Amino acid sequence: MTGSTTRFEAFRRLHETGIFVMPNPWDTGSAKVLAGLGFKALA
């Protein structure tokens, strides 16, 4: 699988479990904090 296909499949699997929260970080620092908090996807 290509990298984009792998990312697509991972994102699609998030929808299988029901509702999930996808925060929108403002910058690199907030993206790192949100990822560190365990969010599986960032907008």
PDB file of N, CA and C in Angstrom:
ATOM      1  N   MET A   1       0.835  -1.193   0.000  1.00  0.00           N
ATOM      2  CA  MET A   1       0.000   0.000   0.000  1.00  0.00           C
ATOM      3  C   MET A   1       0.874   1.249   0.000  1.00  0.00           C
ATOM      4  N   THR A   2       0.373   2.288  -0.619  1.00  0.00           N
ATOM      5  CA  THR A   2       1.096   3.558  -0.598  1.00  0.00           C
ATOM      6  C   THR A   2       0.828   4.268   0.716  1.00  0.00           C
ATOM      7  N   GLY A   3       1.600   5.302   0.988  1.00  0.00           N
ATOM      8  CA  GLY A   3       1.412   6.059   2.219  1.00  0.00           C
ATOM      9  C   GLY A   3       0.037   6.687   2.315  1.00  0.00           C
ATOM     10  N   SER A   4      -0.458   7.239   1.203  1.00  0.00           N
ATOM     11  CA  SER A   4      -1.773   7.885   1.238  1.00  0.00           C
ATOM     12  C   SER A   4      -2.884   6.856   1.415  1.00  0.00           C
ATOM     13  N   THR A   5      -2.725   5.674   0.835  1.00  0.00           N
ATOM     14  CA  THR A   5      -3.730   4.620   1.002  1.00  0.00           C
ATOM     15  C   THR A   5      -3.757   4.151   2.450  1.00  0.00           C
ATOM     16  N   THR A   6      -2.598   4.001   3.053  1.00  0.00           N
ATOM     17  CA  THR A   6      -2.510   3.588   4.450  1.00  0.00           C
ATOM     18  C   THR A   6      -3.172   4.621   5.354  1.00  0.00           C
ATOM     19  N   ARG A   7      -2.914   5.903   5.114  1.00  0.00           N
ATOM     20  CA  ARG A   7      -3.531   6.964   5.921  1.00  0.00           C
ATOM     21  C   ARG A   7      -5.038   6.980   5.729  1.00  0.00           C
ATOM     22  N   PHE A   8      -5.491   6.769   4.492  1.00  0.00           N
ATOM     23  CA  PHE A   8      -6.923   6.728   4.222  1.00  0.00           C
ATOM     24  C   PHE A   8      -7.587   5.591   4.988  1.00  0.00           C
ATOM     25  N   GLU A   9      -6.986   4.421   4.956  1.00  0.00           N
ATOM     26  CA  GLU A   9      -7.554   3.264   5.656  1.00  0.00           C
ATOM     27  C   GLU A   9      -7.604   3.509   7.164  1.00  0.00           C
ATOM     28  N   ALA A  10      -6.573   4.108   7.723  1.00  0.00           N
ATOM     29  CA  ALA A  10      -6.563   4.415   9.157  1.00  0.00           C
ATOM     30  C   ALA A  10      -7.672   5.408   9.493  1.00  0.00           C
ATOM     31  N   PHE A  11      -7.859   6.424   8.651  1.00  0.00           N
ATOM     32  CA  PHE A  11      -8.911   7.416   8.881  1.00  0.00           C
ATOM     33  C   PHE A  11     -10.295   6.785   8.739  1.00  0.00           C
ATOM     34  N   ARG A  12     -10.457   5.899   7.764  1.00  0.00           N
ATOM     35  CA  ARG A  12     -11.735   5.224   7.563  1.00  0.00           C
ATOM     36  C   ARG A  12     -12.084   4.351   8.766  1.00  0.00           C
ATOM     37  N   ARG A  13     -11.098   3.697   9.356  1.00  0.00           N
ATOM     38  CA  ARG A  13     -11.342   2.849  10.526  1.00  0.00           C
ATOM     39  C   ARG A  13     -11.831   3.655  11.723  1.00  0.00           C
ATOM     40  N   LEU A  14     -11.450   4.925  11.820  1.00  0.00           N
ATOM     41  CA  LEU A  14     -11.941   5.767  12.914  1.00  0.00           C
ATOM     42  C   LEU A  14     -13.460   5.885  12.872  1.00  0.00           C
ATOM     43  N   HIS A  15     -14.040   5.854  11.680  1.00  0.00           N
ATOM     44  CA  HIS A  15     -15.484   5.980  11.526  1.00  0.00           C
ATOM     45  C   HIS A  15     -16.232   4.710  11.919  1.00  0.00           C
ATOM     46  N   GLU A  16     -15.566   3.577  11.937  1.00  0.00           N
ATOM     47  CA  GLU A  16     -16.218   2.307  12.236  1.00  0.00           C
ATOM     48  C   GLU A  16     -16.655   2.200  13.690  1.00  0.00           C
ATOM     49  N   THR A  17     -15.979   2.893  14.588  1.00  0.00           N
ATOM     50  CA  THR A  17     -16.293   2.790  16.012  1.00  0.00           C
ATOM     51  C   THR A  17     -17.360   3.783  16.449  1.00  0.00           C
ATOM     52  N   GLY A  18     -17.839   4.609  15.548  1.00  0.00           N
ATOM     53  CA  GLY A  18     -18.859   5.598  15.897  1.00  0.00           C
ATOM     54  C   GLY A  18     -18.308   7.009  15.807  1.00  0.00           C
ATOM     55  N   ILE A  19     -18.723   7.840  16.724  1.00  0.00           N
ATOM     56  CA  ILE A  19     -18.333   9.251  16.718  1.00  0.00           C
ATOM     57  C   ILE A  19     -16.931   9.416  17.298  1.00  0.00           C
ATOM     58  N   PHE A  20     -16.147  10.292  16.685  1.00  0.00           N
ATOM     59  CA  PHE A  20     -14.838  10.634  17.228  1.00  0.00           C
ATOM     60  C   PHE A  20     -14.626  12.137  17.090  1.00  0.00           C
ATOM     61  N   VAL A  21     -13.758  12.681  17.925  1.00  0.00           N
ATOM     62  CA  VAL A  21     -13.458  14.114  17.913  1.00  0.00           C
ATOM     63  C   VAL A  21     -12.165  14.327  17.137  1.00  0.00           C
ATOM     64  N   MET A  22     -12.198  15.296  16.214  1.00  0.00           N
ATOM     65  CA  MET A  22     -11.018  15.627  15.426  1.00  0.00           C
ATOM     66  C   MET A  22     -10.731  17.124  15.610  1.00  0.00           C
ATOM     67  N   PRO A  23      -9.826  17.468  16.542  1.00  0.00           N
ATOM     68  CA  PRO A  23      -9.539  18.876  16.808  1.00  0.00           C
ATOM     69  C   PRO A  23      -8.758  19.529  15.666  1.00  0.00           C
ATOM     70  N   ASN A  24      -8.803  20.849  15.631  1.00  0.00           N
ATOM     71  CA  ASN A  24      -8.125  21.626  14.596  1.00  0.00           C
ATOM     72  C   ASN A  24      -7.015  22.461  15.244  1.00  0.00           C
ATOM     73  N   PRO A  25      -5.769  21.973  15.211  1.00  0.00           N
ATOM     74  CA  PRO A  25      -4.673  22.734  15.818  1.00  0.00           C
ATOM     75  C   PRO A  25      -4.372  24.010  15.029  1.00  0.00           C
ATOM     76  N   TRP A  26      -3.891  25.020  15.738  1.00  0.00           N
ATOM     77  CA  TRP A  26      -3.589  26.308  15.117  1.00  0.00           C
ATOM     78  C   TRP A  26      -2.161  26.387  14.605  1.00  0.00           C
ATOM     79  N   ASP A  27      -1.269  25.598  15.205  1.00  0.00           N
ATOM     80  CA  ASP A  27       0.138  25.653  14.817  1.00  0.00           C
ATOM     81  C   ASP A  27       0.809  24.320  15.152  1.00  0.00           C
ATOM     82  N   THR A  28       2.092  24.232  14.871  1.00  0.00           N
ATOM     83  CA  THR A  28       2.820  22.982  15.107  1.00  0.00           C
ATOM     84  C   THR A  28       2.827  22.604  16.583  1.00  0.00           C
ATOM     85  N   GLY A  29       2.991  23.592  17.436  1.00  0.00           N
ATOM     86  CA  GLY A  29       3.023  23.321  18.877  1.00  0.00           C
ATOM     87  C   GLY A  29       1.722  22.734  19.384  1.00  0.00           C
ATOM     88  N   SER A  30       0.598  23.332  18.985  1.00  0.00           N
ATOM     89  CA  SER A  30      -0.689  22.799  19.441  1.00  0.00           C
ATOM     90  C   SER A  30      -0.972  21.437  18.809  1.00  0.00           C
ATOM     91  N   ALA A  31      -0.478  21.199  17.600  1.00  0.00           N
ATOM     92  CA  ALA A  31      -0.641  19.879  16.971  1.00  0.00           C
ATOM     93  C   ALA A  31       0.100  18.818  17.778  1.00  0.00           C
ATOM     94  N   LYS A  32       1.296  19.137  18.231  1.00  0.00           N
ATOM     95  CA  LYS A  32       2.063  18.187  19.042  1.00  0.00           C
ATOM     96  C   LYS A  32       1.376  17.926  20.376  1.00  0.00           C
ATOM     97  N   VAL A  33       0.836  18.959  20.994  1.00  0.00           N
ATOM     98  CA  VAL A  33       0.129  18.789  22.266  1.00  0.00           C
ATOM     99  C   VAL A  33      -1.100  17.910  22.074  1.00  0.00           C
ATOM    100  N   LEU A  34      -1.900  18.193  21.049  1.00  0.00           N
ATOM    101  CA  LEU A  34      -3.116  17.414  20.799  1.00  0.00           C
ATOM    102  C   LEU A  34      -2.789  15.960  20.468  1.00  0.00           C
ATOM    103  N   ALA A  35      -1.754  15.737  19.675  1.00  0.00           N
ATOM    104  CA  ALA A  35      -1.339  14.362  19.366  1.00  0.00           C
ATOM    105  C   ALA A  35      -0.875  13.660  20.640  1.00  0.00           C
ATOM    106  N   GLY A  36      -0.170  14.389  21.498  1.00  0.00           N
ATOM    107  CA  GLY A  36       0.292  13.826  22.765  1.00  0.00           C
ATOM    108  C   GLY A  36      -0.841  13.482  23.712  1.00  0.00           C
ATOM    109  N   LEU A  37      -1.962  14.174  23.563  1.00  0.00           N
ATOM    110  CA  LEU A  37      -3.139  13.883  24.389  1.00  0.00           C
ATOM    111  C   LEU A  37      -3.891  12.653  23.897  1.00  0.00           C
ATOM    112  N   GLY A  38      -3.494  12.130  22.740  1.00  0.00           N
ATOM    113  CA  GLY A  38      -4.077  10.885  22.263  1.00  0.00           C
ATOM    114  C   GLY A  38      -5.093  10.994  21.148  1.00  0.00           C
ATOM    115  N   PHE A  39      -5.280  12.184  20.584  1.00  0.00           N
ATOM    116  CA  PHE A  39      -6.209  12.305  19.461  1.00  0.00           C
ATOM    117  C   PHE A  39      -5.663  11.517  18.279  1.00  0.00           C
ATOM    118  N   LYS A  40      -6.517  10.726  17.646  1.00  0.00           N
ATOM    119  CA  LYS A  40      -6.104   9.852  16.550  1.00  0.00           C
ATOM    120  C   LYS A  40      -5.999  10.586  15.222  1.00  0.00           C
ATOM    121  N   ALA A  41      -6.683  11.729  15.081  1.00  0.00           N
ATOM    122  CA  ALA A  41      -6.651  12.504  13.836  1.00  0.00           C
ATOM    123  C   ALA A  41      -6.731  13.984  14.175  1.00  0.00           C
ATOM    124  N   LEU A  42      -6.069  14.793  13.375  1.00  0.00           N
ATOM    125  CA  LEU A  42      -6.115  16.247  13.520  1.00  0.00           C
ATOM    126  C   LEU A  42      -6.579  16.838  12.200  1.00  0.00           C
ATOM    127  N   ALA A  43      -7.388  17.896  12.287  1.00  0.00           N
ATOM    128  CA  ALA A  43      -7.905  18.538  11.068  1.00  0.00           C
ATOM    129  C   ALA A  43      -6.846  19.413  10.450  1.00  0.00           C
TER     130      ALA A  43
END
